[in-house]
Amino acid sequence: MNRRDFLKSSSVAAATALLAAQGLKPASAQDKQTYTMVTFLSGIDYWKDCYRGMQDAAEFLGVEATYTGVPEYDITGEVRVLEETIAQTPSGILVTIANAEALAVPINAGIDAGIPIVAFDADSPLSKRYSFVGTGNYYAGVVAARYIGPLVGSGKVAAVTRPSQGNLAARTQGFKETLAAEFPDVVLDDSAIIDNEGSPTVTATKVSALLQAEPEIKGIFSTSAEAAVGASQALRESGVIANVAHIGFDYDEATLDLIDRGDLGATLAQGTWQMGFWGMMFIYMVANGKIESVTDWKAAGISPLPPNVDTGVVVINKDNSKFWRAAK
């Protein structure tokens, strides 16, 4: 049994126990229960495993899962798509957040309209969303710092991120603050924090420019898959790929290829399938009135769900990359 099948079977078993505690069993098909996942950069591979988890949970529950989003990194576009999705009155929505403040408005409107909404992968913590299911992004930055710090020892490092995107900003913050606290000789200056604009091409261009301006850079934390691909390209073209410690985030075939070739030291794998599976379970339980934590959670003014569920990260390197290929 590969890693993905093991995680899936474990989660399905846990879901069966959860339903049993509510006096339920895995459902047969139910009419007119459609749940929708909404993303930005909707065509990237990263979301496939999230949606696969949602589909697996929907099949288990006997309901329908659908997928939509905006193909660009477009905050206004995702707001529009979420508003259009709410107007279709699905039974529940899983949404990842391009911008916490902008997406809070339609999220609140959807909750007020009676649609259960759970955020996954990236959060809007000040919205009325019932729960966030995803990586504890600050702690993921801590893990990255603890990987890079011992390899660098002392000297300057860089981070490739999107400051406007909450989950990536939290990873960067965890990375920077952990270096300062635990590896004081490893320095991340604000000038070495690169906004890659969600593009591997922009990443390659900006990292190349940084390496020319600051050739003493000894380590890089790329906070997303496209950042890792672009930064690895820049390091290779600059002829320093063997001399700069580099950890990325997320994984796809391109990222795993980089690790296996030695062009990327490691990457951090998120529990993407878990996000989709448990996010779907959460919105289903709310939509079907199966939350009984108190006699009336709505009247009590509390969330029916845990406010945050951390699905964790794991370091992928040459030693274990084959297991993640099997998981895809």
C-alpha atoms as a PDB file:
ATOM      1  CA  MET A   1       0.000   0.000   0.000  1.00  0.00           C
ATOM      2  CA  ASN A   2       1.523   3.370  -0.973  1.00  0.00           C
ATOM      3  CA  ARG A   3       1.457   6.479   1.213  1.00  0.00           C
ATOM      4  CA  ARG A   4      -1.581   8.054  -0.433  1.00  0.00           C
ATOM      5  CA  ASP A   5      -3.651   4.852  -0.182  1.00  0.00           C
ATOM      6  CA  PHE A   6      -2.641   4.463   3.468  1.00  0.00           C
ATOM      7  CA  LEU A   7      -3.638   8.039   4.301  1.00  0.00           C
ATOM      8  CA  LYS A   8      -6.879   7.643   2.378  1.00  0.00           C
ATOM      9  CA  SER A   9      -7.817   4.389   4.121  1.00  0.00           C
ATOM     10  CA  SER A  10      -6.945   5.867   7.519  1.00  0.00           C
ATOM     11  CA  SER A  11      -9.029   8.967   6.860  1.00  0.00           C
ATOM     12  CA  VAL A  12     -11.993   6.970   5.571  1.00  0.00           C
ATOM     13  CA  ALA A  13     -11.839   4.803   8.691  1.00  0.00           C
ATOM     14  CA  ALA A  14     -11.777   7.903  10.862  1.00  0.00           C
ATOM     15  CA  ALA A  15     -14.684   9.371   8.914  1.00  0.00           C
ATOM     16  CA  THR A  16     -16.669   6.162   9.405  1.00  0.00           C
ATOM     17  CA  ALA A  17     -16.069   6.434  13.149  1.00  0.00           C
ATOM     18  CA  LEU A  18     -17.120  10.096  13.070  1.00  0.00           C
ATOM     19  CA  LEU A  19     -20.390   9.255  11.331  1.00  0.00           C
ATOM     20  CA  ALA A  20     -20.988   6.302  13.631  1.00  0.00           C
ATOM     21  CA  ALA A  21     -20.694   8.627  16.626  1.00  0.00           C
ATOM     22  CA  GLN A  22     -23.530  10.641  15.082  1.00  0.00           C
ATOM     23  CA  GLY A  23     -25.647   7.533  14.512  1.00  0.00           C
ATOM     24  CA  LEU A  24     -24.877   7.619  10.763  1.00  0.00           C
ATOM     25  CA  LYS A  25     -23.297   5.332   8.195  1.00  0.00           C
ATOM     26  CA  PRO A  26     -21.704   5.966   4.786  1.00  0.00           C
ATOM     27  CA  ALA A  27     -24.434   7.437   2.633  1.00  0.00           C
ATOM     28  CA  SER A  28     -26.040   6.259  -0.546  1.00  0.00           C
ATOM     29  CA  ALA A  29     -26.616   8.900  -3.222  1.00  0.00           C
ATOM     30  CA  GLN A  30     -28.624  11.890  -2.044  1.00  0.00           C
ATOM     31  CA  ASP A  31     -30.555  14.226  -4.303  1.00  0.00           C
ATOM     32  CA  LYS A  32     -29.600  17.866  -4.703  1.00  0.00           C
ATOM     33  CA  GLN A  33     -26.529  17.903  -2.493  1.00  0.00           C
ATOM     34  CA  THR A  34     -23.767  19.558  -4.480  1.00  0.00           C
ATOM     35  CA  TYR A  35     -20.627  20.903  -2.824  1.00  0.00           C
ATOM     36  CA  THR A  36     -18.152  23.155  -4.643  1.00  0.00           C
ATOM     37  CA  MET A  37     -14.422  23.799  -4.357  1.00  0.00           C
ATOM     38  CA  VAL A  38     -13.288  27.313  -5.364  1.00  0.00           C
ATOM     39  CA  THR A  39      -9.624  28.139  -6.062  1.00  0.00           C
ATOM     40  CA  PHE A  40      -7.352  30.704  -7.693  1.00  0.00           C
ATOM     41  CA  LEU A  41      -4.683  29.602 -10.215  1.00  0.00           C
ATOM     42  CA  SER A  42      -7.260  26.907 -10.850  1.00  0.00           C
ATOM     43  CA  GLY A  43      -5.289  24.994 -13.496  1.00  0.00           C
ATOM     44  CA  ILE A  44      -2.187  24.184 -11.438  1.00  0.00           C
ATOM     45  CA  ASP A  45      -1.468  20.607 -10.370  1.00  0.00           C
ATOM     46  CA  TYR A  46      -1.418  21.497  -6.695  1.00  0.00           C
ATOM     47  CA  TRP A  47      -5.214  21.606  -6.404  1.00  0.00           C
ATOM     48  CA  LYS A  48      -5.702  18.181  -7.997  1.00  0.00           C
ATOM     49  CA  ASP A  49      -4.888  16.285  -4.825  1.00  0.00           C
ATOM     50  CA  CYS A  50      -7.077  18.635  -2.748  1.00  0.00           C
ATOM     51  CA  TYR A  51     -10.000  18.050  -5.084  1.00  0.00           C
ATOM     52  CA  ARG A  52      -9.329  14.305  -5.197  1.00  0.00           C
ATOM     53  CA  GLY A  53      -9.700  14.256  -1.417  1.00  0.00           C
ATOM     54  CA  MET A  54     -12.971  16.180  -1.682  1.00  0.00           C
ATOM     55  CA  GLN A  55     -14.243  13.788  -4.353  1.00  0.00           C
ATOM     56  CA  ASP A  56     -13.341  10.770  -2.221  1.00  0.00           C
ATOM     57  CA  ALA A  57     -15.280  12.202   0.719  1.00  0.00           C
ATOM     58  CA  ALA A  58     -18.232  13.113  -1.535  1.00  0.00           C
ATOM     59  CA  GLU A  59     -18.338   9.563  -2.903  1.00  0.00           C
ATOM     60  CA  PHE A  60     -18.222   8.224   0.645  1.00  0.00           C
ATOM     61  CA  LEU A  61     -21.138  10.499   1.618  1.00  0.00           C
ATOM     62  CA  GLY A  62     -23.194   9.947  -1.531  1.00  0.00           C
ATOM     63  CA  VAL A  63     -23.133  13.581  -2.669  1.00  0.00           C
ATOM     64  CA  GLU A  64     -21.657  15.488  -5.618  1.00  0.00           C
ATOM     65  CA  ALA A  65     -18.428  17.506  -5.627  1.00  0.00           C
ATOM     66  CA  THR A  66     -17.713  20.158  -8.269  1.00  0.00           C
ATOM     67  CA  TYR A  67     -14.701  22.337  -8.978  1.00  0.00           C
ATOM     68  CA  THR A  68     -14.359  25.919 -10.168  1.00  0.00           C
ATOM     69  CA  GLY A  69     -11.983  28.856  -9.876  1.00  0.00           C
ATOM     70  CA  VAL A  70     -10.136  31.626 -11.643  1.00  0.00           C
ATOM     71  CA  PRO A  71      -7.142  30.590 -13.786  1.00  0.00           C
ATOM     72  CA  GLU A  72      -4.962  33.572 -12.869  1.00  0.00           C
ATOM     73  CA  TYR A  73      -3.639  34.886  -9.572  1.00  0.00           C
ATOM     74  CA  ASP A  74      -6.509  37.356  -9.634  1.00  0.00           C
ATOM     75  CA  ILE A  75      -8.006  38.473  -6.323  1.00  0.00           C
ATOM     76  CA  THR A  76     -10.893  40.316  -7.956  1.00  0.00           C
ATOM     77  CA  GLY A  77     -11.524  37.318 -10.193  1.00  0.00           C
ATOM     78  CA  GLU A  78     -11.704  34.899  -7.264  1.00  0.00           C
ATOM     79  CA  VAL A  79     -14.105  37.213  -5.435  1.00  0.00           C
ATOM     80  CA  ARG A  80     -16.313  37.199  -8.537  1.00  0.00           C
ATOM     81  CA  VAL A  81     -16.198  33.395  -8.903  1.00  0.00           C
ATOM     82  CA  LEU A  82     -17.024  32.893  -5.229  1.00  0.00           C
ATOM     83  CA  GLU A  83     -19.955  35.313  -5.488  1.00  0.00           C
ATOM     84  CA  GLU A  84     -21.215  33.460  -8.575  1.00  0.00           C
ATOM     85  CA  THR A  85     -20.860  30.135  -6.748  1.00  0.00           C
ATOM     86  CA  ILE A  86     -22.815  31.440  -3.748  1.00  0.00           C
ATOM     87  CA  ALA A  87     -25.561  32.644  -6.100  1.00  0.00           C
ATOM     88  CA  GLN A  88     -25.960  29.024  -7.269  1.00  0.00           C
ATOM     89  CA  THR A  89     -26.733  28.029  -3.625  1.00  0.00           C
ATOM     90  CA  PRO A  90     -24.629  24.876  -3.337  1.00  0.00           C
ATOM     91  CA  SER A  91     -24.975  22.756  -0.219  1.00  0.00           C
ATOM     92  CA  GLY A  92     -21.530  23.919   0.928  1.00  0.00           C
ATOM     93  CA  ILE A  93     -18.296  25.502  -0.294  1.00  0.00           C
ATOM     94  CA  LEU A  94     -14.586  24.794   0.189  1.00  0.00           C
ATOM     95  CA  VAL A  95     -12.564  27.878  -0.750  1.00  0.00           C
ATOM     96  CA  THR A  96      -8.866  28.708  -0.751  1.00  0.00           C
ATOM     97  CA  ILE A  97      -8.016  32.350  -0.175  1.00  0.00           C
ATOM     98  CA  ALA A  98      -5.964  34.556  -2.507  1.00  0.00           C
ATOM     99  CA  ASN A  99      -6.446  37.556  -0.218  1.00  0.00           C
ATOM    100  CA  ALA A 100      -7.900  37.294   3.289  1.00  0.00           C
ATOM    101  CA  GLU A 101      -9.526  40.724   3.420  1.00  0.00           C
ATOM    102  CA  ALA A 102     -11.038  40.704  -0.074  1.00  0.00           C
ATOM    103  CA  LEU A 103     -12.482  37.193   0.213  1.00  0.00           C
ATOM    104  CA  ALA A 104     -13.971  37.878   3.665  1.00  0.00           C
ATOM    105  CA  VAL A 105     -16.806  39.895   2.110  1.00  0.00           C
ATOM    106  CA  PRO A 106     -18.290  37.117  -0.086  1.00  0.00           C
ATOM    107  CA  ILE A 107     -17.514  34.479   2.558  1.00  0.00           C
ATOM    108  CA  ASN A 108     -19.545  36.435   5.124  1.00  0.00           C
ATOM    109  CA  ALA A 109     -22.353  36.899   2.610  1.00  0.00           C
ATOM    110  CA  GLY A 110     -22.418  33.159   1.920  1.00  0.00           C
ATOM    111  CA  ILE A 111     -22.481  32.266   5.619  1.00  0.00           C
ATOM    112  CA  ASP A 112     -25.272  34.807   6.194  1.00  0.00           C
ATOM    113  CA  ALA A 113     -27.186  33.155   3.338  1.00  0.00           C
ATOM    114  CA  GLY A 114     -26.975  29.813   5.166  1.00  0.00           C
ATOM    115  CA  ILE A 115     -24.249  28.150   3.068  1.00  0.00           C
ATOM    116  CA  PRO A 116     -21.569  26.321   5.106  1.00  0.00           C
ATOM    117  CA  ILE A 117     -18.142  27.599   4.053  1.00  0.00           C
ATOM    118  CA  VAL A 118     -14.765  26.207   5.108  1.00  0.00           C
ATOM    119  CA  ALA A 119     -11.420  27.661   4.028  1.00  0.00           C
ATOM    120  CA  PHE A 120      -8.618  25.305   3.032  1.00  0.00           C
ATOM    121  CA  ASP A 121      -4.936  25.742   2.220  1.00  0.00           C
ATOM    122  CA  ALA A 122      -5.059  29.553   2.699  1.00  0.00           C
ATOM    123  CA  ASP A 123      -7.237  31.223   5.298  1.00  0.00           C
ATOM    124  CA  SER A 124      -9.382  34.307   5.856  1.00  0.00           C
ATOM    125  CA  PRO A 125      -9.246  34.198   9.658  1.00  0.00           C
ATOM    126  CA  LEU A 126     -11.314  37.336  10.285  1.00  0.00           C
ATOM    127  CA  SER A 127     -14.166  36.150   8.072  1.00  0.00           C
ATOM    128  CA  LYS A 128     -17.137  34.108   9.282  1.00  0.00           C
ATOM    129  CA  ARG A 129     -15.812  30.907   7.686  1.00  0.00           C
ATOM    130  CA  TYR A 130     -16.544  27.985   9.977  1.00  0.00           C
ATOM    131  CA  SER A 131     -13.085  26.437   9.921  1.00  0.00           C
ATOM    132  CA  PHE A 132      -9.681  26.434   8.247  1.00  0.00           C
ATOM    133  CA  VAL A 133      -8.269  23.069   7.168  1.00  0.00           C
ATOM    134  CA  GLY A 134      -4.700  23.271   5.991  1.00  0.00           C
ATOM    135  CA  THR A 135      -1.049  23.685   6.769  1.00  0.00           C
ATOM    136  CA  GLY A 136       0.036  25.613   9.841  1.00  0.00           C
ATOM    137  CA  ASN A 137       1.998  27.947   7.603  1.00  0.00           C
ATOM    138  CA  TYR A 138       4.022  29.744  10.258  1.00  0.00           C
ATOM    139  CA  TYR A 139       5.258  26.420  11.617  1.00  0.00           C
ATOM    140  CA  ALA A 140       6.040  25.250   8.078  1.00  0.00           C
ATOM    141  CA  GLY A 141       8.397  28.243   7.868  1.00  0.00           C
ATOM    142  CA  VAL A 142       9.935  27.083  11.139  1.00  0.00           C
ATOM    143  CA  VAL A 143      10.618  23.663   9.568  1.00  0.00           C
ATOM    144  CA  ALA A 144      12.210  25.329   6.532  1.00  0.00           C
ATOM    145  CA  ALA A 145      14.468  27.442   8.765  1.00  0.00           C
ATOM    146  CA  ARG A 146      15.558  24.368  10.692  1.00  0.00           C
ATOM    147  CA  TYR A 147      16.493  22.718   7.399  1.00  0.00           C
ATOM    148  CA  ILE A 148      18.384  25.699   5.946  1.00  0.00           C
ATOM    149  CA  GLY A 149      20.020  26.962   9.145  1.00  0.00           C
ATOM    150  CA  PRO A 150      22.395  24.052   9.821  1.00  0.00           C
ATOM    151  CA  LEU A 151      23.335  23.793   6.139  1.00  0.00           C
ATOM    152  CA  VAL A 152      24.254  27.474   5.857  1.00  0.00           C
ATOM    153  CA  GLY A 153      25.833  27.879   9.302  1.00  0.00           C
ATOM    154  CA  SER A 154      26.442  31.572   8.766  1.00  0.00           C
ATOM    155  CA  GLY A 155      25.804  34.025   5.972  1.00  0.00           C
ATOM    156  CA  LYS A 156      22.972  35.519   3.960  1.00  0.00           C
ATOM    157  CA  VAL A 157      19.871  33.722   2.696  1.00  0.00           C
ATOM    158  CA  ALA A 158      16.844  34.692   0.605  1.00  0.00           C
ATOM    159  CA  ALA A 159      13.129  33.884   0.508  1.00  0.00           C
ATOM    160  CA  VAL A 160      10.890  33.755  -2.564  1.00  0.00           C
ATOM    161  CA  THR A 161       7.262  34.448  -1.702  1.00  0.00           C
ATOM    162  CA  ARG A 162       4.112  36.519  -2.324  1.00  0.00           C
ATOM    163  CA  PRO A 163       3.806  39.087   0.476  1.00  0.00           C
ATOM    164  CA  SER A 164       0.136  39.748  -0.376  1.00  0.00           C
ATOM    165  CA  GLN A 165      -0.849  36.089  -0.015  1.00  0.00           C
ATOM    166  CA  GLY A 166      -1.474  35.256   3.625  1.00  0.00           C
ATOM    167  CA  ASN A 167      -0.311  31.642   3.682  1.00  0.00           C
ATOM    168  CA  LEU A 168       2.962  32.425   1.881  1.00  0.00           C
ATOM    169  CA  ALA A 169       3.562  35.476   4.061  1.00  0.00           C
ATOM    170  CA  ALA A 170       3.113  33.325   7.186  1.00  0.00           C
ATOM    171  CA  ARG A 171       5.660  30.795   5.880  1.00  0.00           C
ATOM    172  CA  THR A 172       8.130  33.616   5.283  1.00  0.00           C
ATOM    173  CA  GLN A 173       7.533  35.059   8.740  1.00  0.00           C
ATOM    174  CA  GLY A 174       8.053  31.691  10.430  1.00  0.00           C
ATOM    175  CA  PHE A 175      11.244  31.221   8.430  1.00  0.00           C
ATOM    176  CA  LYS A 176      12.646  34.676   9.202  1.00  0.00           C
ATOM    177  CA  GLU A 177      11.795  34.677  12.915  1.00  0.00           C
ATOM    178  CA  THR A 178      13.127  31.163  13.477  1.00  0.00           C
ATOM    179  CA  LEU A 179      16.418  32.012  11.794  1.00  0.00           C
ATOM    180  CA  ALA A 180      16.741  35.076  14.027  1.00  0.00           C
ATOM    181  CA  ALA A 181      15.924  33.082  17.170  1.00  0.00           C
ATOM    182  CA  GLU A 182      17.766  29.820  16.504  1.00  0.00           C
ATOM    183  CA  PHE A 183      20.395  30.608  13.844  1.00  0.00           C
ATOM    184  CA  PRO A 184      21.448  34.229  14.507  1.00  0.00           C
ATOM    185  CA  ASP A 185      24.430  33.956  12.152  1.00  0.00           C
ATOM    186  CA  VAL A 186      22.089  33.206   9.237  1.00  0.00           C
ATOM    187  CA  VAL A 187      20.658  36.498   8.002  1.00  0.00           C
ATOM    188  CA  LEU A 188      17.531  37.172   5.944  1.00  0.00           C
ATOM    189  CA  ASP A 189      17.394  40.862   5.024  1.00  0.00           C
ATOM    190  CA  ASP A 190      14.165  42.401   3.732  1.00  0.00           C
ATOM    191  CA  SER A 191      16.007  43.166   0.473  1.00  0.00           C
ATOM    192  CA  ALA A 192      16.398  39.402  -0.057  1.00  0.00           C
ATOM    193  CA  ILE A 193      12.654  38.675   0.263  1.00  0.00           C
ATOM    194  CA  ILE A 194      11.483  38.387  -3.346  1.00  0.00           C
ATOM    195  CA  ASP A 195       7.906  38.825  -4.581  1.00  0.00           C
ATOM    196  CA  ASN A 196       7.722  36.291  -7.394  1.00  0.00           C
ATOM    197  CA  GLU A 197       4.198  37.349  -8.497  1.00  0.00           C
ATOM    198  CA  GLY A 198       3.126  33.694  -8.631  1.00  0.00           C
ATOM    199  CA  SER A 199       5.321  33.020 -11.681  1.00  0.00           C
ATOM    200  CA  PRO A 200       8.349  30.723 -12.154  1.00  0.00           C
ATOM    201  CA  THR A 201       9.582  33.027 -14.923  1.00  0.00           C
ATOM    202  CA  VAL A 202       9.451  36.093 -12.675  1.00  0.00           C
ATOM    203  CA  THR A 203      11.114  34.041  -9.944  1.00  0.00           C
ATOM    204  CA  ALA A 204      14.020  33.069 -12.217  1.00  0.00           C
ATOM    205  CA  THR A 205      14.532  36.659 -13.345  1.00  0.00           C
ATOM    206  CA  LYS A 206      14.433  38.147  -9.850  1.00  0.00           C
ATOM    207  CA  VAL A 207      16.585  35.460  -8.232  1.00  0.00           C
ATOM    208  CA  SER A 208      19.173  35.855 -10.982  1.00  0.00           C
ATOM    209  CA  ALA A 209      19.255  39.589 -10.324  1.00  0.00           C
ATOM    210  CA  LEU A 210      19.601  39.012  -6.580  1.00  0.00           C
ATOM    211  CA  LEU A 211      22.479  36.573  -7.077  1.00  0.00           C
ATOM    212  CA  GLN A 212      24.290  39.137  -9.208  1.00  0.00           C
ATOM    213  CA  ALA A 213      23.723  41.880  -6.636  1.00  0.00           C
ATOM    214  CA  GLU A 214      24.462  39.663  -3.610  1.00  0.00           C
ATOM    215  CA  PRO A 215      26.671  36.739  -4.698  1.00  0.00           C
ATOM    216  CA  GLU A 216      27.221  35.816  -1.040  1.00  0.00           C
ATOM    217  CA  ILE A 217      23.681  34.322  -0.800  1.00  0.00           C
ATOM    218  CA  LYS A 218      24.098  30.808   0.650  1.00  0.00           C
ATOM    219  CA  GLY A 219      20.523  29.584   0.999  1.00  0.00           C
ATOM    220  CA  ILE A 220      17.011  30.057  -0.423  1.00  0.00           C
ATOM    221  CA  PHE A 221      13.553  29.204   0.889  1.00  0.00           C
ATOM    222  CA  SER A 222      11.015  29.044  -1.944  1.00  0.00           C
ATOM    223  CA  THR A 223       7.530  29.203  -0.412  1.00  0.00           C
ATOM    224  CA  SER A 224       5.667  27.591  -3.343  1.00  0.00           C
ATOM    225  CA  ALA A 225       6.242  25.035  -6.107  1.00  0.00           C
ATOM    226  CA  GLU A 226       6.557  27.582  -8.921  1.00  0.00           C
ATOM    227  CA  ALA A 227       9.005  29.559  -6.800  1.00  0.00           C
ATOM    228  CA  ALA A 228      11.150  26.453  -6.309  1.00  0.00           C
ATOM    229  CA  VAL A 229      11.195  25.734 -10.055  1.00  0.00           C
ATOM    230  CA  GLY A 230      12.125  29.315 -10.963  1.00  0.00           C
ATOM    231  CA  ALA A 231      14.738  29.671  -8.230  1.00  0.00           C
ATOM    232  CA  SER A 232      16.365  26.362  -9.210  1.00  0.00           C
ATOM    233  CA  GLN A 233      16.565  27.590 -12.802  1.00  0.00           C
ATOM    234  CA  ALA A 234      18.281  30.795 -11.694  1.00  0.00           C
ATOM    235  CA  LEU A 235      20.729  28.918  -9.476  1.00  0.00           C
ATOM    236  CA  ARG A 236      21.595  26.516 -12.289  1.00  0.00           C
ATOM    237  CA  GLU A 237      22.034  29.273 -14.889  1.00  0.00           C
ATOM    238  CA  SER A 238      24.165  31.264 -12.448  1.00  0.00           C
ATOM    239  CA  GLY A 239      26.429  28.262 -11.897  1.00  0.00           C
ATOM    240  CA  VAL A 240      25.945  28.171  -8.115  1.00  0.00           C
ATOM    241  CA  ILE A 241      23.343  25.452  -7.707  1.00  0.00           C
ATOM    242  CA  ALA A 242      25.798  23.181  -5.883  1.00  0.00           C
ATOM    243  CA  ASN A 243      26.755  25.942  -3.459  1.00  0.00           C
ATOM    244  CA  VAL A 244      23.363  27.290  -2.344  1.00  0.00           C
ATOM    245  CA  ALA A 245      21.116  25.332   0.044  1.00  0.00           C
ATOM    246  CA  HIS A 246      17.551  25.402  -1.296  1.00  0.00           C
ATOM    247  CA  ILE A 247      14.269  24.137   0.132  1.00  0.00           C
ATOM    248  CA  GLY A 248      10.984  24.514  -1.721  1.00  0.00           C
ATOM    249  CA  PHE A 249       7.329  24.069  -0.911  1.00  0.00           C
ATOM    250  CA  ASP A 250       4.755  21.647  -2.329  1.00  0.00           C
ATOM    251  CA  TYR A 251       5.521  19.013  -4.903  1.00  0.00           C
ATOM    252  CA  ASP A 252       4.673  18.118  -8.456  1.00  0.00           C
ATOM    253  CA  GLU A 253       6.530  16.132 -11.090  1.00  0.00           C
ATOM    254  CA  ALA A 254       8.803  19.071 -11.902  1.00  0.00           C
ATOM    255  CA  THR A 255       9.718  19.585  -8.247  1.00  0.00           C
ATOM    256  CA  LEU A 256      10.384  15.879  -7.677  1.00  0.00           C
ATOM    257  CA  ASP A 257      12.535  15.794 -10.817  1.00  0.00           C
ATOM    258  CA  LEU A 258      14.597  18.686  -9.424  1.00  0.00           C
ATOM    259  CA  ILE A 259      15.146  16.798  -6.165  1.00  0.00           C
ATOM    260  CA  ASP A 260      16.127  13.579  -7.913  1.00  0.00           C
ATOM    261  CA  ARG A 261      18.620  15.461 -10.136  1.00  0.00           C
ATOM    262  CA  GLY A 262      20.127  17.228  -7.138  1.00  0.00           C
ATOM    263  CA  ASP A 263      18.925  20.646  -8.332  1.00  0.00           C
ATOM    264  CA  LEU A 264      16.743  21.116  -5.233  1.00  0.00           C
ATOM    265  CA  GLY A 265      17.769  19.904  -1.806  1.00  0.00           C
ATOM    266  CA  ALA A 266      14.281  19.346  -0.406  1.00  0.00           C
ATOM    267  CA  THR A 267      10.697  20.505  -0.457  1.00  0.00           C
ATOM    268  CA  LEU A 268       7.881  20.565   2.091  1.00  0.00           C
ATOM    269  CA  ALA A 269       4.867  18.396   1.258  1.00  0.00           C
ATOM    270  CA  GLN A 270       1.478  19.491   2.517  1.00  0.00           C
ATOM    271  CA  GLY A 271      -1.458  17.232   3.386  1.00  0.00           C
ATOM    272  CA  THR A 272      -3.406  18.273   0.305  1.00  0.00           C
ATOM    273  CA  TRP A 273      -5.645  15.200   0.065  1.00  0.00           C
ATOM    274  CA  GLN A 274      -6.449  15.592   3.750  1.00  0.00           C
ATOM    275  CA  MET A 275      -7.513  19.206   3.203  1.00  0.00           C
ATOM    276  CA  GLY A 276     -10.076  18.218   0.589  1.00  0.00           C
ATOM    277  CA  PHE A 277     -11.330  15.138   2.396  1.00  0.00           C
ATOM    278  CA  TRP A 278     -11.819  16.661   5.832  1.00  0.00           C
ATOM    279  CA  GLY A 279     -12.987  19.988   4.447  1.00  0.00           C
ATOM    280  CA  MET A 280     -15.739  18.126   2.587  1.00  0.00           C
ATOM    281  CA  MET A 281     -16.655  16.172   5.719  1.00  0.00           C
ATOM    282  CA  PHE A 282     -16.895  19.412   7.689  1.00  0.00           C
ATOM    283  CA  ILE A 283     -19.231  21.249   5.327  1.00  0.00           C
ATOM    284  CA  TYR A 284     -21.385  18.137   4.912  1.00  0.00           C
ATOM    285  CA  MET A 285     -21.817  17.763   8.665  1.00  0.00           C
ATOM    286  CA  VAL A 286     -22.873  21.402   9.012  1.00  0.00           C
ATOM    287  CA  ALA A 287     -25.153  21.326   5.970  1.00  0.00           C
ATOM    288  CA  ASN A 288     -26.948  18.246   7.286  1.00  0.00           C
ATOM    289  CA  GLY A 289     -27.348  19.480  10.853  1.00  0.00           C
ATOM    290  CA  LYS A 290     -25.144  16.784  12.362  1.00  0.00           C
ATOM    291  CA  ILE A 291     -23.141  19.040  14.686  1.00  0.00           C
ATOM    292  CA  GLU A 292     -24.406  18.665  18.249  1.00  0.00           C
ATOM    293  CA  SER A 293     -21.637  20.218  20.332  1.00  0.00           C
ATOM    294  CA  VAL A 294     -24.283  22.308  22.124  1.00  0.00           C
ATOM    295  CA  THR A 295     -28.075  22.345  21.916  1.00  0.00           C
ATOM    296  CA  ASP A 296     -28.081  25.198  19.387  1.00  0.00           C
ATOM    297  CA  TRP A 297     -24.687  26.425  18.166  1.00  0.00           C
ATOM    298  CA  LYS A 298     -26.249  29.085  15.950  1.00  0.00           C
ATOM    299  CA  ALA A 299     -28.171  30.665  18.814  1.00  0.00           C
ATOM    300  CA  ALA A 300     -25.087  30.337  21.020  1.00  0.00           C
ATOM    301  CA  GLY A 301     -23.089  32.282  18.441  1.00  0.00           C
ATOM    302  CA  ILE A 302     -20.241  29.766  18.143  1.00  0.00           C
ATOM    303  CA  SER A 303     -18.631  27.961  15.239  1.00  0.00           C
ATOM    304  CA  PRO A 304     -19.828  24.372  14.889  1.00  0.00           C
ATOM    305  CA  LEU A 305     -16.340  23.273  13.823  1.00  0.00           C
ATOM    306  CA  PRO A 306     -12.753  23.463  15.118  1.00  0.00           C
ATOM    307  CA  PRO A 307     -11.466  26.891  14.039  1.00  0.00           C
ATOM    308  CA  ASN A 308      -8.163  25.492  12.718  1.00  0.00           C
ATOM    309  CA  VAL A 309      -7.064  22.010  11.670  1.00  0.00           C
ATOM    310  CA  ASP A 310      -3.366  21.635  10.839  1.00  0.00           C
ATOM    311  CA  THR A 311      -2.756  19.004   8.153  1.00  0.00           C
ATOM    312  CA  GLY A 312       1.022  19.287   8.599  1.00  0.00           C
ATOM    313  CA  VAL A 313       4.137  19.202   6.391  1.00  0.00           C
ATOM    314  CA  VAL A 314       6.781  16.562   5.673  1.00  0.00           C
ATOM    315  CA  VAL A 315      10.280  17.145   4.281  1.00  0.00           C
ATOM    316  CA  ILE A 316      10.774  15.418   0.903  1.00  0.00           C
ATOM    317  CA  ASN A 317      14.340  14.768  -0.237  1.00  0.00           C
ATOM    318  CA  LYS A 318      16.191  12.267  -2.414  1.00  0.00           C
ATOM    319  CA  ASP A 319      15.770   9.569   0.200  1.00  0.00           C
ATOM    320  CA  ASN A 320      11.970   9.528   0.168  1.00  0.00           C
ATOM    321  CA  SER A 321      10.856  11.261  -3.041  1.00  0.00           C
ATOM    322  CA  LYS A 322       9.763   7.942  -4.610  1.00  0.00           C
ATOM    323  CA  PHE A 323       6.917   7.636  -2.117  1.00  0.00           C
ATOM    324  CA  TRP A 324       5.454  10.950  -3.220  1.00  0.00           C
ATOM    325  CA  ARG A 325       5.641   9.908  -6.848  1.00  0.00           C
ATOM    326  CA  ALA A 326       3.575   6.875  -5.900  1.00  0.00           C
ATOM    327  CA  ALA A 327       1.150   9.146  -4.030  1.00  0.00           C
ATOM    328  CA  LYS A 328       0.375  11.082  -7.226  1.00  0.00           C
END
